[in-house]
Amino acid sequence: NAKNTMYLQMNNLKPEDTAVYYCTGTNPA
C-alpha cells in the first residue's frame, strides 16, 4: 500500500497460462 503497487508472482508456468493479465479493484466502487 505504501508504494501503491500490487504484485503477482507466477511460478511453474504452463502453456495454458498464456493470456493478457489485468489488475483492478474488485468491488464495483
mmCIF file of all heavy atoms, coordinates in Angstrom:
data_MODEL
# 
_entry.id   MODEL 
# 
loop_
_atom_site.group_PDB 
_atom_site.id 
_atom_site.type_symbol 
_atom_site.label_atom_id 
_atom_site.label_alt_id 
_atom_site.label_comp_id 
_atom_site.label_asym_id 
_atom_site.label_entity_id 
_atom_site.label_seq_id 
_atom_site.pdbx_PDB_ins_code 
_atom_site.Cartn_x 
_atom_site.Cartn_y 
_atom_site.Cartn_z 
_atom_site.occupancy 
_atom_site.B_iso_or_equiv 
_atom_site.pdbx_formal_charge 
_atom_site.auth_seq_id 
_atom_site.auth_comp_id 
_atom_site.auth_asym_id 
_atom_site.auth_atom_id 
_atom_site.pdbx_PDB_model_num 
ATOM 1   N N   . ASN A 1 1  ? 0.813   -1.212  0.000   1.00 0.00 ? 1  ASN A N   1 
ATOM 2   C CA  . ASN A 1 1  ? 0.000   0.000   0.000   1.00 0.00 ? 1  ASN A CA  1 
ATOM 3   C C   . ASN A 1 1  ? 0.851   1.268   0.000   1.00 0.00 ? 1  ASN A C   1 
ATOM 4   O O   . ASN A 1 1  ? 0.456   2.282   -0.572  1.00 0.00 ? 1  ASN A O   1 
ATOM 5   C CB  . ASN A 1 1  ? -0.945  0.005   1.200   1.00 0.00 ? 1  ASN A CB  1 
ATOM 6   C CG  . ASN A 1 1  ? -2.032  -1.043  1.094   1.00 0.00 ? 1  ASN A CG  1 
ATOM 7   O OD1 . ASN A 1 1  ? -2.379  -1.490  -0.004  1.00 0.00 ? 1  ASN A OD1 1 
ATOM 8   N ND2 . ASN A 1 1  ? -2.587  -1.439  2.232   1.00 0.00 ? 1  ASN A ND2 1 
ATOM 9   N N   . ALA A 1 2  ? 2.014   1.222   0.635   1.00 0.00 ? 2  ALA A N   1 
ATOM 10  C CA  . ALA A 1 2  ? 2.887   2.388   0.683   1.00 0.00 ? 2  ALA A CA  1 
ATOM 11  C C   . ALA A 1 2  ? 3.413   2.758   -0.693  1.00 0.00 ? 2  ALA A C   1 
ATOM 12  O O   . ALA A 1 2  ? 3.714   3.923   -0.956  1.00 0.00 ? 2  ALA A O   1 
ATOM 13  C CB  . ALA A 1 2  ? 4.044   2.151   1.644   1.00 0.00 ? 2  ALA A CB  1 
ATOM 14  N N   . LYS A 1 3  ? 3.541   1.772   -1.576  1.00 0.00 ? 3  LYS A N   1 
ATOM 15  C CA  . LYS A 1 3  ? 4.029   2.001   -2.928  1.00 0.00 ? 3  LYS A CA  1 
ATOM 16  C C   . LYS A 1 3  ? 2.915   2.016   -3.963  1.00 0.00 ? 3  LYS A C   1 
ATOM 17  O O   . LYS A 1 3  ? 3.190   2.129   -5.160  1.00 0.00 ? 3  LYS A O   1 
ATOM 18  C CB  . LYS A 1 3  ? 5.062   0.943   -3.304  1.00 0.00 ? 3  LYS A CB  1 
ATOM 19  C CG  . LYS A 1 3  ? 6.326   0.980   -2.454  1.00 0.00 ? 3  LYS A CG  1 
ATOM 20  C CD  . LYS A 1 3  ? 7.326   -0.069  -2.909  1.00 0.00 ? 3  LYS A CD  1 
ATOM 21  C CE  . LYS A 1 3  ? 8.600   0.005   -2.092  1.00 0.00 ? 3  LYS A CE  1 
ATOM 22  N NZ  . LYS A 1 3  ? 9.591   -1.012  -2.519  1.00 0.00 ? 3  LYS A NZ  1 
ATOM 23  N N   . ASN A 1 4  ? 1.677   1.876   -3.516  1.00 0.00 ? 4  ASN A N   1 
ATOM 24  C CA  . ASN A 1 4  ? 0.518   1.853   -4.413  1.00 0.00 ? 4  ASN A CA  1 
ATOM 25  C C   . ASN A 1 4  ? 0.682   0.799   -5.508  1.00 0.00 ? 4  ASN A C   1 
ATOM 26  O O   . ASN A 1 4  ? 0.360   1.032   -6.674  1.00 0.00 ? 4  ASN A O   1 
ATOM 27  C CB  . ASN A 1 4  ? 0.281   3.235   -5.031  1.00 0.00 ? 4  ASN A CB  1 
ATOM 28  C CG  . ASN A 1 4  ? -0.031  4.287   -3.997  1.00 0.00 ? 4  ASN A CG  1 
ATOM 29  O OD1 . ASN A 1 4  ? -0.681  4.010   -2.988  1.00 0.00 ? 4  ASN A OD1 1 
ATOM 30  N ND2 . ASN A 1 4  ? 0.420   5.514   -4.235  1.00 0.00 ? 4  ASN A ND2 1 
ATOM 31  N N   . THR A 1 5  ? 1.172   -0.352  -5.106  1.00 0.00 ? 5  THR A N   1 
ATOM 32  C CA  . THR A 1 5  ? 1.522   -1.389  -6.067  1.00 0.00 ? 5  THR A CA  1 
ATOM 33  C C   . THR A 1 5  ? 1.032   -2.752  -5.608  1.00 0.00 ? 5  THR A C   1 
ATOM 34  O O   . THR A 1 5  ? 1.075   -3.077  -4.414  1.00 0.00 ? 5  THR A O   1 
ATOM 35  C CB  . THR A 1 5  ? 3.041   -1.448  -6.280  1.00 0.00 ? 5  THR A CB  1 
ATOM 36  O OG1 . THR A 1 5  ? 3.513   -0.161  -6.700  1.00 0.00 ? 5  THR A OG1 1 
ATOM 37  C CG2 . THR A 1 5  ? 3.405   -2.472  -7.345  1.00 0.00 ? 5  THR A CG2 1 
ATOM 38  N N   . MET A 1 6  ? 0.568   -3.548  -6.561  1.00 0.00 ? 6  MET A N   1 
ATOM 39  C CA  . MET A 1 6  ? 0.188   -4.926  -6.325  1.00 0.00 ? 6  MET A CA  1 
ATOM 40  C C   . MET A 1 6  ? 1.036   -5.821  -7.217  1.00 0.00 ? 6  MET A C   1 
ATOM 41  O O   . MET A 1 6  ? 1.433   -5.422  -8.310  1.00 0.00 ? 6  MET A O   1 
ATOM 42  C CB  . MET A 1 6  ? -1.301  -5.137  -6.624  1.00 0.00 ? 6  MET A CB  1 
ATOM 43  C CG  . MET A 1 6  ? -1.792  -6.551  -6.350  1.00 0.00 ? 6  MET A CG  1 
ATOM 44  S SD  . MET A 1 6  ? -3.594  -6.748  -6.578  1.00 0.00 ? 6  MET A SD  1 
ATOM 45  C CE  . MET A 1 6  ? -3.753  -6.440  -8.336  1.00 0.00 ? 6  MET A CE  1 
ATOM 46  N N   . TYR A 1 7  ? 1.298   -7.039  -6.754  1.00 0.00 ? 7  TYR A N   1 
ATOM 47  C CA  . TYR A 1 7  ? 2.163   -7.952  -7.480  1.00 0.00 ? 7  TYR A CA  1 
ATOM 48  C C   . TYR A 1 7  ? 1.494   -9.310  -7.662  1.00 0.00 ? 7  TYR A C   1 
ATOM 49  O O   . TYR A 1 7  ? 0.608   -9.702  -6.908  1.00 0.00 ? 7  TYR A O   1 
ATOM 50  C CB  . TYR A 1 7  ? 3.481   -8.169  -6.734  1.00 0.00 ? 7  TYR A CB  1 
ATOM 51  C CG  . TYR A 1 7  ? 4.231   -6.909  -6.403  1.00 0.00 ? 7  TYR A CG  1 
ATOM 52  C CD1 . TYR A 1 7  ? 4.083   -6.296  -5.158  1.00 0.00 ? 7  TYR A CD1 1 
ATOM 53  C CD2 . TYR A 1 7  ? 5.090   -6.328  -7.329  1.00 0.00 ? 7  TYR A CD2 1 
ATOM 54  C CE1 . TYR A 1 7  ? 4.774   -5.135  -4.847  1.00 0.00 ? 7  TYR A CE1 1 
ATOM 55  C CE2 . TYR A 1 7  ? 5.784   -5.167  -7.026  1.00 0.00 ? 7  TYR A CE2 1 
ATOM 56  C CZ  . TYR A 1 7  ? 5.620   -4.577  -5.782  1.00 0.00 ? 7  TYR A CZ  1 
ATOM 57  O OH  . TYR A 1 7  ? 6.307   -3.429  -5.478  1.00 0.00 ? 7  TYR A OH  1 
ATOM 58  N N   . LEU A 1 8  ? 1.955   -10.031 -8.664  1.00 0.00 ? 8  LEU A N   1 
ATOM 59  C CA  . LEU A 1 8  ? 1.569   -11.418 -8.859  1.00 0.00 ? 8  LEU A CA  1 
ATOM 60  C C   . LEU A 1 8  ? 2.820   -12.202 -9.226  1.00 0.00 ? 8  LEU A C   1 
ATOM 61  O O   . LEU A 1 8  ? 3.332   -12.067 -10.340 1.00 0.00 ? 8  LEU A O   1 
ATOM 62  C CB  . LEU A 1 8  ? 0.513   -11.572 -9.952  1.00 0.00 ? 8  LEU A CB  1 
ATOM 63  C CG  . LEU A 1 8  ? -0.007  -12.996 -10.157 1.00 0.00 ? 8  LEU A CG  1 
ATOM 64  C CD1 . LEU A 1 8  ? -0.807  -13.455 -8.937  1.00 0.00 ? 8  LEU A CD1 1 
ATOM 65  C CD2 . LEU A 1 8  ? -0.865  -13.096 -11.414 1.00 0.00 ? 8  LEU A CD2 1 
ATOM 66  N N   . GLN A 1 9  ? 3.315   -12.993 -8.286  1.00 0.00 ? 9  GLN A N   1 
ATOM 67  C CA  . GLN A 1 9  ? 4.440   -13.875 -8.546  1.00 0.00 ? 9  GLN A CA  1 
ATOM 68  C C   . GLN A 1 9  ? 3.906   -15.165 -9.152  1.00 0.00 ? 9  GLN A C   1 
ATOM 69  O O   . GLN A 1 9  ? 3.067   -15.838 -8.546  1.00 0.00 ? 9  GLN A O   1 
ATOM 70  C CB  . GLN A 1 9  ? 5.204   -14.177 -7.253  1.00 0.00 ? 9  GLN A CB  1 
ATOM 71  C CG  . GLN A 1 9  ? 6.372   -15.133 -7.422  1.00 0.00 ? 9  GLN A CG  1 
ATOM 72  C CD  . GLN A 1 9  ? 7.488   -14.561 -8.257  1.00 0.00 ? 9  GLN A CD  1 
ATOM 73  O OE1 . GLN A 1 9  ? 7.891   -13.416 -8.059  1.00 0.00 ? 9  GLN A OE1 1 
ATOM 74  N NE2 . GLN A 1 9  ? 7.999   -15.340 -9.205  1.00 0.00 ? 9  GLN A NE2 1 
ATOM 75  N N   . MET A 1 10 ? 4.375   -15.502 -10.334 1.00 0.00 ? 10 MET A N   1 
ATOM 76  C CA  . MET A 1 10 ? 3.888   -16.656 -11.071 1.00 0.00 ? 10 MET A CA  1 
ATOM 77  C C   . MET A 1 10 ? 5.031   -17.645 -11.246 1.00 0.00 ? 10 MET A C   1 
ATOM 78  O O   . MET A 1 10 ? 6.024   -17.342 -11.902 1.00 0.00 ? 10 MET A O   1 
ATOM 79  C CB  . MET A 1 10 ? 3.338   -16.234 -12.433 1.00 0.00 ? 10 MET A CB  1 
ATOM 80  C CG  . MET A 1 10 ? 2.326   -15.091 -12.362 1.00 0.00 ? 10 MET A CG  1 
ATOM 81  S SD  . MET A 1 10 ? 1.920   -14.387 -13.989 1.00 0.00 ? 10 MET A SD  1 
ATOM 82  C CE  . MET A 1 10 ? 1.051   -15.752 -14.728 1.00 0.00 ? 10 MET A CE  1 
ATOM 83  N N   . ASN A 1 11 ? 4.893   -18.826 -10.650 1.00 0.00 ? 11 ASN A N   1 
ATOM 84  C CA  . ASN A 1 11 ? 5.900   -19.872 -10.744 1.00 0.00 ? 11 ASN A CA  1 
ATOM 85  C C   . ASN A 1 11 ? 5.331   -21.091 -11.458 1.00 0.00 ? 11 ASN A C   1 
ATOM 86  O O   . ASN A 1 11 ? 4.119   -21.281 -11.524 1.00 0.00 ? 11 ASN A O   1 
ATOM 87  C CB  . ASN A 1 11 ? 6.385   -20.280 -9.354  1.00 0.00 ? 11 ASN A CB  1 
ATOM 88  C CG  . ASN A 1 11 ? 7.047   -19.155 -8.600  1.00 0.00 ? 11 ASN A CG  1 
ATOM 89  O OD1 . ASN A 1 11 ? 7.718   -18.306 -9.193  1.00 0.00 ? 11 ASN A OD1 1 
ATOM 90  N ND2 . ASN A 1 11 ? 6.884   -19.139 -7.284  1.00 0.00 ? 11 ASN A ND2 1 
ATOM 91  N N   . ASN A 1 12 ? 6.232   -21.921 -11.965 1.00 0.00 ? 12 ASN A N   1 
ATOM 92  C CA  . ASN A 1 12 ? 5.839   -23.146 -12.665 1.00 0.00 ? 12 ASN A CA  1 
ATOM 93  C C   . ASN A 1 12 ? 4.778   -22.867 -13.723 1.00 0.00 ? 12 ASN A C   1 
ATOM 94  O O   . ASN A 1 12 ? 3.735   -23.517 -13.779 1.00 0.00 ? 12 ASN A O   1 
ATOM 95  C CB  . ASN A 1 12 ? 5.344   -24.191 -11.664 1.00 0.00 ? 12 ASN A CB  1 
ATOM 96  C CG  . ASN A 1 12 ? 5.196   -25.568 -12.277 1.00 0.00 ? 12 ASN A CG  1 
ATOM 97  O OD1 . ASN A 1 12 ? 5.857   -25.898 -13.268 1.00 0.00 ? 12 ASN A OD1 1 
ATOM 98  N ND2 . ASN A 1 12 ? 4.316   -26.387 -11.698 1.00 0.00 ? 12 ASN A ND2 1 
ATOM 99  N N   . LEU A 1 13 ? 5.065   -21.918 -14.569 1.00 0.00 ? 13 LEU A N   1 
ATOM 100 C CA  . LEU A 1 13 ? 4.100   -21.506 -15.588 1.00 0.00 ? 13 LEU A CA  1 
ATOM 101 C C   . LEU A 1 13 ? 3.859   -22.609 -16.608 1.00 0.00 ? 13 LEU A C   1 
ATOM 102 O O   . LEU A 1 13 ? 4.762   -23.376 -16.953 1.00 0.00 ? 13 LEU A O   1 
ATOM 103 C CB  . LEU A 1 13 ? 4.583   -20.238 -16.281 1.00 0.00 ? 13 LEU A CB  1 
ATOM 104 C CG  . LEU A 1 13 ? 4.430   -18.964 -15.444 1.00 0.00 ? 13 LEU A CG  1 
ATOM 105 C CD1 . LEU A 1 13 ? 5.302   -17.843 -15.990 1.00 0.00 ? 13 LEU A CD1 1 
ATOM 106 C CD2 . LEU A 1 13 ? 2.966   -18.533 -15.411 1.00 0.00 ? 13 LEU A CD2 1 
ATOM 107 N N   . LYS A 1 14 ? 2.623   -22.656 -17.091 1.00 0.00 ? 14 LYS A N   1 
ATOM 108 C CA  . LYS A 1 14 ? 2.187   -23.650 -18.054 1.00 0.00 ? 14 LYS A CA  1 
ATOM 109 C C   . LYS A 1 14 ? 1.674   -22.957 -19.314 1.00 0.00 ? 14 LYS A C   1 
ATOM 110 O O   . LYS A 1 14 ? 1.260   -21.800 -19.258 1.00 0.00 ? 14 LYS A O   1 
ATOM 111 C CB  . LYS A 1 14 ? 1.079   -24.519 -17.458 1.00 0.00 ? 14 LYS A CB  1 
ATOM 112 C CG  . LYS A 1 14 ? 1.458   -25.219 -16.164 1.00 0.00 ? 14 LYS A CG  1 
ATOM 113 C CD  . LYS A 1 14 ? 0.283   -25.974 -15.574 1.00 0.00 ? 14 LYS A CD  1 
ATOM 114 C CE  . LYS A 1 14 ? 0.664   -26.676 -14.289 1.00 0.00 ? 14 LYS A CE  1 
ATOM 115 N NZ  . LYS A 1 14 ? -0.496  -27.415 -13.702 1.00 0.00 ? 14 LYS A NZ  1 
ATOM 116 N N   . PRO A 1 15 ? 1.683   -23.652 -20.451 1.00 0.00 ? 15 PRO A N   1 
ATOM 117 C CA  . PRO A 1 15 ? 1.172   -23.036 -21.677 1.00 0.00 ? 15 PRO A CA  1 
ATOM 118 C C   . PRO A 1 15 ? -0.243  -22.486 -21.535 1.00 0.00 ? 15 PRO A C   1 
ATOM 119 O O   . PRO A 1 15 ? -0.555  -21.450 -22.135 1.00 0.00 ? 15 PRO A O   1 
ATOM 120 C CB  . PRO A 1 15 ? 1.235   -24.177 -22.693 1.00 0.00 ? 15 PRO A CB  1 
ATOM 121 C CG  . PRO A 1 15 ? 2.375   -25.019 -22.226 1.00 0.00 ? 15 PRO A CG  1 
ATOM 122 C CD  . PRO A 1 15 ? 2.285   -24.975 -20.720 1.00 0.00 ? 15 PRO A CD  1 
ATOM 123 N N   . GLU A 1 16 ? -1.084  -23.142 -20.750 1.00 0.00 ? 16 GLU A N   1 
ATOM 124 C CA  . GLU A 1 16 ? -2.448  -22.672 -20.571 1.00 0.00 ? 16 GLU A CA  1 
ATOM 125 C C   . GLU A 1 16 ? -2.545  -21.389 -19.756 1.00 0.00 ? 16 GLU A C   1 
ATOM 126 O O   . GLU A 1 16 ? -3.633  -20.813 -19.633 1.00 0.00 ? 16 GLU A O   1 
ATOM 127 C CB  . GLU A 1 16 ? -3.328  -23.763 -19.933 1.00 0.00 ? 16 GLU A CB  1 
ATOM 128 C CG  . GLU A 1 16 ? -2.728  -24.378 -18.679 1.00 0.00 ? 16 GLU A CG  1 
ATOM 129 C CD  . GLU A 1 16 ? -1.985  -25.674 -18.949 1.00 0.00 ? 16 GLU A CD  1 
ATOM 130 O OE1 . GLU A 1 16 ? -1.237  -25.738 -19.941 1.00 0.00 ? 16 GLU A OE1 1 
ATOM 131 O OE2 . GLU A 1 16 ? -2.164  -26.643 -18.172 1.00 0.00 ? 16 GLU A OE2 1 
ATOM 132 N N   . ASP A 1 17 ? -1.423  -20.932 -19.192 1.00 0.00 ? 17 ASP A N   1 
ATOM 133 C CA  . ASP A 1 17 ? -1.398  -19.644 -18.506 1.00 0.00 ? 17 ASP A CA  1 
ATOM 134 C C   . ASP A 1 17 ? -1.258  -18.480 -19.481 1.00 0.00 ? 17 ASP A C   1 
ATOM 135 O O   . ASP A 1 17 ? -1.336  -17.320 -19.063 1.00 0.00 ? 17 ASP A O   1 
ATOM 136 C CB  . ASP A 1 17 ? -0.250  -19.590 -17.497 1.00 0.00 ? 17 ASP A CB  1 
ATOM 137 C CG  . ASP A 1 17 ? -0.420  -20.572 -16.353 1.00 0.00 ? 17 ASP A CG  1 
ATOM 138 O OD1 . ASP A 1 17 ? -1.556  -20.726 -15.855 1.00 0.00 ? 17 ASP A OD1 1 
ATOM 139 O OD2 . ASP A 1 17 ? 0.587   -21.187 -15.945 1.00 0.00 ? 17 ASP A OD2 1 
ATOM 140 N N   . THR A 1 18 ? -1.026  -18.782 -20.741 1.00 0.00 ? 18 THR A N   1 
ATOM 141 C CA  . THR A 1 18 ? -0.875  -17.740 -21.744 1.00 0.00 ? 18 THR A CA  1 
ATOM 142 C C   . THR A 1 18 ? -2.144  -16.895 -21.828 1.00 0.00 ? 18 THR A C   1 
ATOM 143 O O   . THR A 1 18 ? -3.230  -17.411 -22.078 1.00 0.00 ? 18 THR A O   1 
ATOM 144 C CB  . THR A 1 18 ? -0.561  -18.353 -23.111 1.00 0.00 ? 18 THR A CB  1 
ATOM 145 O OG1 . THR A 1 18 ? 0.701   -19.029 -23.054 1.00 0.00 ? 18 THR A OG1 1 
ATOM 146 C CG2 . THR A 1 18 ? -0.485  -17.270 -24.186 1.00 0.00 ? 18 THR A CG2 1 
ATOM 147 N N   . ALA A 1 19 ? -1.993  -15.595 -21.619 1.00 0.00 ? 19 ALA A N   1 
ATOM 148 C CA  . ALA A 1 19 ? -3.130  -14.684 -21.610 1.00 0.00 ? 19 ALA A CA  1 
ATOM 149 C C   . ALA A 1 19 ? -2.619  -13.267 -21.399 1.00 0.00 ? 19 ALA A C   1 
ATOM 150 O O   . ALA A 1 19 ? -1.445  -13.048 -21.095 1.00 0.00 ? 19 ALA A O   1 
ATOM 151 C CB  . ALA A 1 19 ? -4.111  -15.051 -20.495 1.00 0.00 ? 19 ALA A CB  1 
ATOM 152 N N   . VAL A 1 20 ? -3.520  -12.311 -21.545 1.00 0.00 ? 20 VAL A N   1 
ATOM 153 C CA  . VAL A 1 20 ? -3.251  -10.945 -21.133 1.00 0.00 ? 20 VAL A CA  1 
ATOM 154 C C   . VAL A 1 20 ? -3.738  -10.800 -19.701 1.00 0.00 ? 20 VAL A C   1 
ATOM 155 O O   . VAL A 1 20 ? -4.888  -11.135 -19.397 1.00 0.00 ? 20 VAL A O   1 
ATOM 156 C CB  . VAL A 1 20 ? -3.944  -9.916  -22.041 1.00 0.00 ? 20 VAL A CB  1 
ATOM 157 C CG1 . VAL A 1 20 ? -3.649  -8.497  -21.561 1.00 0.00 ? 20 VAL A CG1 1 
ATOM 158 C CG2 . VAL A 1 20 ? -3.480  -10.089 -23.484 1.00 0.00 ? 20 VAL A CG2 1 
ATOM 159 N N   . TYR A 1 21 ? -2.886  -10.314 -18.825 1.00 0.00 ? 21 TYR A N   1 
ATOM 160 C CA  . TYR A 1 21 ? -3.201  -10.199 -17.418 1.00 0.00 ? 21 TYR A CA  1 
ATOM 161 C C   . TYR A 1 21 ? -3.508  -8.751  -17.051 1.00 0.00 ? 21 TYR A C   1 
ATOM 162 O O   . TYR A 1 21 ? -2.775  -7.836  -17.435 1.00 0.00 ? 21 TYR A O   1 
ATOM 163 C CB  . TYR A 1 21 ? -2.045  -10.731 -16.563 1.00 0.00 ? 21 TYR A CB  1 
ATOM 164 C CG  . TYR A 1 21 ? -1.965  -12.238 -16.557 1.00 0.00 ? 21 TYR A CG  1 
ATOM 165 C CD1 . TYR A 1 21 ? -1.541  -12.932 -17.690 1.00 0.00 ? 21 TYR A CD1 1 
ATOM 166 C CD2 . TYR A 1 21 ? -2.329  -12.976 -15.431 1.00 0.00 ? 21 TYR A CD2 1 
ATOM 167 C CE1 . TYR A 1 21 ? -1.494  -14.313 -17.707 1.00 0.00 ? 21 TYR A CE1 1 
ATOM 168 C CE2 . TYR A 1 21 ? -2.277  -14.357 -15.441 1.00 0.00 ? 21 TYR A CE2 1 
ATOM 169 C CZ  . TYR A 1 21 ? -1.857  -15.023 -16.575 1.00 0.00 ? 21 TYR A CZ  1 
ATOM 170 O OH  . TYR A 1 21 ? -1.803  -16.404 -16.582 1.00 0.00 ? 21 TYR A OH  1 
ATOM 171 N N   . TYR A 1 22 ? -4.588  -8.564  -16.299 1.00 0.00 ? 22 TYR A N   1 
ATOM 172 C CA  . TYR A 1 22 ? -5.061  -7.243  -15.908 1.00 0.00 ? 22 TYR A CA  1 
ATOM 173 C C   . TYR A 1 22 ? -5.181  -7.155  -14.391 1.00 0.00 ? 22 TYR A C   1 
ATOM 174 O O   . TYR A 1 22 ? -5.377  -8.160  -13.717 1.00 0.00 ? 22 TYR A O   1 
ATOM 175 C CB  . TYR A 1 22 ? -6.439  -6.958  -16.511 1.00 0.00 ? 22 TYR A CB  1 
ATOM 176 C CG  . TYR A 1 22 ? -6.525  -7.066  -18.015 1.00 0.00 ? 22 TYR A CG  1 
ATOM 177 C CD1 . TYR A 1 22 ? -6.787  -8.290  -18.631 1.00 0.00 ? 22 TYR A CD1 1 
ATOM 178 C CD2 . TYR A 1 22 ? -6.371  -5.942  -18.817 1.00 0.00 ? 22 TYR A CD2 1 
ATOM 179 C CE1 . TYR A 1 22 ? -6.881  -8.397  -20.007 1.00 0.00 ? 22 TYR A CE1 1 
ATOM 180 C CE2 . TYR A 1 22 ? -6.467  -6.038  -20.192 1.00 0.00 ? 22 TYR A CE2 1 
ATOM 181 C CZ  . TYR A 1 22 ? -6.723  -7.266  -20.779 1.00 0.00 ? 22 TYR A CZ  1 
ATOM 182 O OH  . TYR A 1 22 ? -6.822  -7.357  -22.155 1.00 0.00 ? 22 TYR A OH  1 
ATOM 183 N N   . CYS A 1 23 ? -5.110  -5.939  -13.865 1.00 0.00 ? 23 CYS A N   1 
ATOM 184 C CA  . CYS A 1 23 ? -5.334  -5.721  -12.452 1.00 0.00 ? 23 CYS A CA  1 
ATOM 185 C C   . CYS A 1 23 ? -6.353  -4.605  -12.257 1.00 0.00 ? 23 CYS A C   1 
ATOM 186 O O   . CYS A 1 23 ? -6.477  -3.701  -13.088 1.00 0.00 ? 23 CYS A O   1 
ATOM 187 C CB  . CYS A 1 23 ? -4.031  -5.382  -11.716 1.00 0.00 ? 23 CYS A CB  1 
ATOM 188 S SG  . CYS A 1 23 ? -3.264  -3.818  -12.191 1.00 0.00 ? 23 CYS A SG  1 
ATOM 189 N N   . THR A 1 24 ? -7.089  -4.681  -11.152 1.00 0.00 ? 24 THR A N   1 
ATOM 190 C CA  . THR A 1 24 ? -8.101  -3.673  -10.857 1.00 0.00 ? 24 THR A CA  1 
ATOM 191 C C   . THR A 1 24 ? -8.630  -3.881  -9.446  1.00 0.00 ? 24 THR A C   1 
ATOM 192 O O   . THR A 1 24 ? -8.382  -4.909  -8.821  1.00 0.00 ? 24 THR A O   1 
ATOM 193 C CB  . THR A 1 24 ? -9.271  -3.743  -11.853 1.00 0.00 ? 24 THR A CB  1 
ATOM 194 O OG1 . THR A 1 24 ? -10.165 -2.647  -11.631 1.00 0.00 ? 24 THR A OG1 1 
ATOM 195 C CG2 . THR A 1 24 ? -10.033 -5.054  -11.692 1.00 0.00 ? 24 THR A CG2 1 
ATOM 196 N N   . GLY A 1 25 ? -9.357  -2.898  -8.937  1.00 0.00 ? 25 GLY A N   1 
ATOM 197 C CA  . GLY A 1 25 ? -10.129 -3.112  -7.735  1.00 0.00 ? 25 GLY A CA  1 
ATOM 198 C C   . GLY A 1 25 ? -11.276 -4.039  -8.062  1.00 0.00 ? 25 GLY A C   1 
ATOM 199 O O   . GLY A 1 25 ? -11.887 -3.932  -9.130  1.00 0.00 ? 25 GLY A O   1 
ATOM 200 N N   . THR A 1 26 ? -11.592 -4.963  -7.170  1.00 0.00 ? 26 THR A N   1 
ATOM 201 C CA  . THR A 1 26 ? -12.590 -5.981  -7.488  1.00 0.00 ? 26 THR A CA  1 
ATOM 202 C C   . THR A 1 26 ? -14.018 -5.557  -7.165  1.00 0.00 ? 26 THR A C   1 
ATOM 203 O O   . THR A 1 26 ? -14.957 -6.055  -7.791  1.00 0.00 ? 26 THR A O   1 
ATOM 204 C CB  . THR A 1 26 ? -12.277 -7.292  -6.762  1.00 0.00 ? 26 THR A CB  1 
ATOM 205 O OG1 . THR A 1 26 ? -12.228 -7.060  -5.350  1.00 0.00 ? 26 THR A OG1 1 
ATOM 206 C CG2 . THR A 1 26 ? -10.940 -7.852  -7.224  1.00 0.00 ? 26 THR A CG2 1 
ATOM 207 N N   . ASN A 1 27 ? -14.198 -4.688  -6.198  1.00 0.00 ? 27 ASN A N   1 
ATOM 208 C CA  . ASN A 1 27 ? -15.540 -4.219  -5.874  1.00 0.00 ? 27 ASN A CA  1 
ATOM 209 C C   . ASN A 1 27 ? -15.999 -3.176  -6.889  1.00 0.00 ? 27 ASN A C   1 
ATOM 210 O O   . ASN A 1 27 ? -15.186 -2.413  -7.417  1.00 0.00 ? 27 ASN A O   1 
ATOM 211 C CB  . ASN A 1 27 ? -15.585 -3.630  -4.470  1.00 0.00 ? 27 ASN A CB  1 
ATOM 212 C CG  . ASN A 1 27 ? -15.387 -4.681  -3.398  1.00 0.00 ? 27 ASN A CG  1 
ATOM 213 O OD1 . ASN A 1 27 ? -15.481 -5.874  -3.646  1.00 0.00 ? 27 ASN A OD1 1 
ATOM 214 N ND2 . ASN A 1 27 ? -15.112 -4.232  -2.182  1.00 0.00 ? 27 ASN A ND2 1 
ATOM 215 N N   . PRO A 1 28 ? -17.304 -3.127  -7.170  1.00 0.00 ? 28 PRO A N   1 
ATOM 216 C CA  . PRO A 1 28 ? -17.798 -2.175  -8.176  1.00 0.00 ? 28 PRO A CA  1 
ATOM 217 C C   . PRO A 1 28 ? -17.369 -0.737  -7.928  1.00 0.00 ? 28 PRO A C   1 
ATOM 218 O O   . PRO A 1 28 ? -17.035 -0.023  -8.882  1.00 0.00 ? 28 PRO A O   1 
ATOM 219 C CB  . PRO A 1 28 ? -19.317 -2.333  -8.070  1.00 0.00 ? 28 PRO A CB  1 
ATOM 220 C CG  . PRO A 1 28 ? -19.512 -3.741  -7.630  1.00 0.00 ? 28 PRO A CG  1 
ATOM 221 C CD  . PRO A 1 28 ? -18.378 -4.008  -6.682  1.00 0.00 ? 28 PRO A CD  1 
ATOM 222 N N   . ALA A 1 29 ? -17.336 -0.299  -6.675  1.00 0.00 ? 29 ALA A N   1 
ATOM 223 C CA  . ALA A 1 29 ? -16.968 1.073   -6.369  1.00 0.00 ? 29 ALA A CA  1 
ATOM 224 C C   . ALA A 1 29 ? -15.503 1.374   -6.665  1.00 0.00 ? 29 ALA A C   1 
ATOM 225 O O   . ALA A 1 29 ? -15.131 2.538   -6.821  1.00 0.00 ? 29 ALA A O   1 
ATOM 226 C CB  . ALA A 1 29 ? -17.263 1.375   -4.905  1.00 0.00 ? 29 ALA A CB  1 
# 
